[in-house]
Amino acid sequence: MALTKVAVVDKIEVLENNQVQVRTVTRIMEDGIELSSSFHRHVCAPDCDTTNEDAKVIAICAAVHTDEVKAAYAAAQLAEQAAIEAANAAAAALGE
């Protein structure tokens, strides 16, 4: 009656914005029979460090996160930050 815990990347999806979504399933096994499982998801953005990711995730990120995609992502992040700052400034001006 040996219990084991096994974590495996079981799904990798490329999202519309070129982020890579990773699903990991953690299975609790007893003598080769699955007793329970749970899922964890995380996203790898074009600017993330994939050093500690599963080899399959690293390969997919390397293929998807080209220099062009990284530059577009960085530009979008800057534009989003500028929009947030402008909205905050407008809200602050209304509150004065």
C-alpha atoms as a PDB file:
ATOM      1  CA  MET A   1       0.000   0.000   0.000  1.00  0.00           C
ATOM      2  CA  ALA A   2       2.424   2.605  -1.257  1.00  0.00           C
ATOM      3  CA  LEU A   3       1.168   6.134  -1.825  1.00  0.00           C
ATOM      4  CA  THR A   4       2.892   8.246  -4.444  1.00  0.00           C
ATOM      5  CA  LYS A   5       2.434  11.785  -5.657  1.00  0.00           C
ATOM      6  CA  VAL A   6       3.066  12.437  -9.352  1.00  0.00           C
ATOM      7  CA  ALA A   7       3.002  15.863 -11.029  1.00  0.00           C
ATOM      8  CA  VAL A   8       2.902  15.985 -14.834  1.00  0.00           C
ATOM      9  CA  VAL A   9       2.442  18.802 -17.355  1.00  0.00           C
ATOM     10  CA  ASP A  10      -0.556  17.442 -19.221  1.00  0.00           C
ATOM     11  CA  LYS A  11      -1.721  20.382 -21.317  1.00  0.00           C
ATOM     12  CA  ILE A  12       0.072  23.260 -23.044  1.00  0.00           C
ATOM     13  CA  GLU A  13      -1.937  25.853 -24.956  1.00  0.00           C
ATOM     14  CA  VAL A  14      -0.865  28.891 -26.952  1.00  0.00           C
ATOM     15  CA  LEU A  15      -3.339  31.688 -26.286  1.00  0.00           C
ATOM     16  CA  GLU A  16      -4.412  34.357 -28.744  1.00  0.00           C
ATOM     17  CA  ASN A  17      -1.986  36.908 -27.283  1.00  0.00           C
ATOM     18  CA  ASN A  18       0.966  34.480 -27.620  1.00  0.00           C
ATOM     19  CA  GLN A  19       1.027  33.631 -23.948  1.00  0.00           C
ATOM     20  CA  VAL A  20       1.572  29.951 -23.226  1.00  0.00           C
ATOM     21  CA  GLN A  21      -0.822  28.421 -20.709  1.00  0.00           C
ATOM     22  CA  VAL A  22       0.440  25.356 -18.856  1.00  0.00           C
ATOM     23  CA  ARG A  23      -1.703  22.886 -16.924  1.00  0.00           C
ATOM     24  CA  THR A  24      -0.086  20.541 -14.421  1.00  0.00           C
ATOM     25  CA  VAL A  25      -1.985  17.601 -12.979  1.00  0.00           C
ATOM     26  CA  THR A  26      -0.970  16.250  -9.580  1.00  0.00           C
ATOM     27  CA  ARG A  27      -2.083  12.684  -8.992  1.00  0.00           C
ATOM     28  CA  ILE A  28      -2.141  10.787  -5.718  1.00  0.00           C
ATOM     29  CA  MET A  29      -1.633   7.112  -6.537  1.00  0.00           C
ATOM     30  CA  GLU A  30      -1.924   3.978  -4.439  1.00  0.00           C
ATOM     31  CA  ASP A  31      -0.396   0.844  -5.937  1.00  0.00           C
ATOM     32  CA  GLY A  32      -0.781   2.284  -9.441  1.00  0.00           C
ATOM     33  CA  ILE A  33      -4.416   3.327  -8.965  1.00  0.00           C
ATOM     34  CA  GLU A  34      -5.282   7.022  -9.007  1.00  0.00           C
ATOM     35  CA  LEU A  35      -7.008   8.040  -5.781  1.00  0.00           C
ATOM     36  CA  SER A  36      -7.272  11.747  -6.518  1.00  0.00           C
ATOM     37  CA  SER A  37      -6.008  14.448  -8.806  1.00  0.00           C
ATOM     38  CA  SER A  38      -5.870  18.217  -8.887  1.00  0.00           C
ATOM     39  CA  PHE A  39      -4.921  20.779 -11.501  1.00  0.00           C
ATOM     40  CA  HIS A  40      -2.757  23.890 -11.434  1.00  0.00           C
ATOM     41  CA  ARG A  41      -2.477  26.361 -14.310  1.00  0.00           C
ATOM     42  CA  HIS A  42       0.001  29.096 -14.956  1.00  0.00           C
ATOM     43  CA  VAL A  43       0.853  31.311 -17.897  1.00  0.00           C
ATOM     44  CA  CYS A  44       4.212  31.999 -19.504  1.00  0.00           C
ATOM     45  CA  ALA A  45       4.193  35.486 -20.987  1.00  0.00           C
ATOM     46  CA  PRO A  46       6.661  36.394 -23.741  1.00  0.00           C
ATOM     47  CA  ASP A  47       8.891  38.124 -21.179  1.00  0.00           C
ATOM     48  CA  CYS A  48       8.966  35.328 -18.588  1.00  0.00           C
ATOM     49  CA  ASP A  49      11.939  33.200 -17.584  1.00  0.00           C
ATOM     50  CA  THR A  50      11.266  29.602 -18.631  1.00  0.00           C
ATOM     51  CA  THR A  51      14.424  28.149 -17.073  1.00  0.00           C
ATOM     52  CA  ASN A  52      12.548  26.041 -14.516  1.00  0.00           C
ATOM     53  CA  GLU A  53       9.752  24.936 -16.839  1.00  0.00           C
ATOM     54  CA  ASP A  54       9.172  21.464 -18.251  1.00  0.00           C
ATOM     55  CA  ALA A  55      11.249  20.745 -21.376  1.00  0.00           C
ATOM     56  CA  LYS A  56       8.110  20.707 -23.557  1.00  0.00           C
ATOM     57  CA  VAL A  57       7.085  24.129 -22.258  1.00  0.00           C
ATOM     58  CA  ILE A  58      10.571  25.530 -22.901  1.00  0.00           C
ATOM     59  CA  ALA A  59      10.485  24.254 -26.489  1.00  0.00           C
ATOM     60  CA  ILE A  60       7.030  25.688 -27.193  1.00  0.00           C
ATOM     61  CA  CYS A  61       7.899  29.049 -25.609  1.00  0.00           C
ATOM     62  CA  ALA A  62      11.086  29.205 -27.684  1.00  0.00           C
ATOM     63  CA  ALA A  63       9.059  28.632 -30.852  1.00  0.00           C
ATOM     64  CA  VAL A  64       6.232  31.041 -29.989  1.00  0.00           C
ATOM     65  CA  HIS A  65       8.079  33.829 -28.182  1.00  0.00           C
ATOM     66  CA  THR A  66      10.031  35.215 -31.106  1.00  0.00           C
ATOM     67  CA  ASP A  67      11.809  38.574 -30.894  1.00  0.00           C
ATOM     68  CA  GLU A  68       8.876  40.139 -32.783  1.00  0.00           C
ATOM     69  CA  VAL A  69       6.351  38.714 -30.316  1.00  0.00           C
ATOM     70  CA  LYS A  70       8.461  39.861 -27.350  1.00  0.00           C
ATOM     71  CA  ALA A  71       8.709  43.399 -28.770  1.00  0.00           C
ATOM     72  CA  ALA A  72       4.948  43.565 -29.410  1.00  0.00           C
ATOM     73  CA  TYR A  73       4.246  42.271 -25.905  1.00  0.00           C
ATOM     74  CA  ALA A  74       6.568  44.860 -24.333  1.00  0.00           C
ATOM     75  CA  ALA A  75       4.907  47.638 -26.346  1.00  0.00           C
ATOM     76  CA  ALA A  76       1.450  46.453 -25.292  1.00  0.00           C
ATOM     77  CA  GLN A  77       2.537  46.373 -21.643  1.00  0.00           C
ATOM     78  CA  LEU A  78       3.842  49.947 -21.875  1.00  0.00           C
ATOM     79  CA  ALA A  79       0.627  51.108 -23.556  1.00  0.00           C
ATOM     80  CA  GLU A  80      -1.493  49.392 -20.898  1.00  0.00           C
ATOM     81  CA  GLN A  81       0.565  50.971 -18.100  1.00  0.00           C
ATOM     82  CA  ALA A  82       0.216  54.406 -19.715  1.00  0.00           C
ATOM     83  CA  ALA A  83      -3.569  53.934 -19.990  1.00  0.00           C
ATOM     84  CA  ILE A  84      -3.783  52.936 -16.317  1.00  0.00           C
ATOM     85  CA  GLU A  85      -1.745  55.953 -15.265  1.00  0.00           C
ATOM     86  CA  ALA A  86      -3.916  58.255 -17.388  1.00  0.00           C
ATOM     87  CA  ALA A  87      -7.088  56.791 -15.896  1.00  0.00           C
ATOM     88  CA  ASN A  88      -5.693  57.184 -12.373  1.00  0.00           C
ATOM     89  CA  ALA A  89      -4.726  60.798 -13.090  1.00  0.00           C
ATOM     90  CA  ALA A  90      -8.207  61.521 -14.467  1.00  0.00           C
ATOM     91  CA  ALA A  91      -9.836  59.912 -11.429  1.00  0.00           C
ATOM     92  CA  ALA A  92      -7.589  61.903  -9.099  1.00  0.00           C
ATOM     93  CA  ALA A  93      -8.448  65.124 -10.932  1.00  0.00           C
ATOM     94  CA  LEU A  94     -12.158  64.422 -10.502  1.00  0.00           C
ATOM     95  CA  GLY A  95     -11.645  63.775  -6.803  1.00  0.00           C
ATOM     96  CA  GLU A  96      -9.927  67.101  -6.142  1.00  0.00           C
END
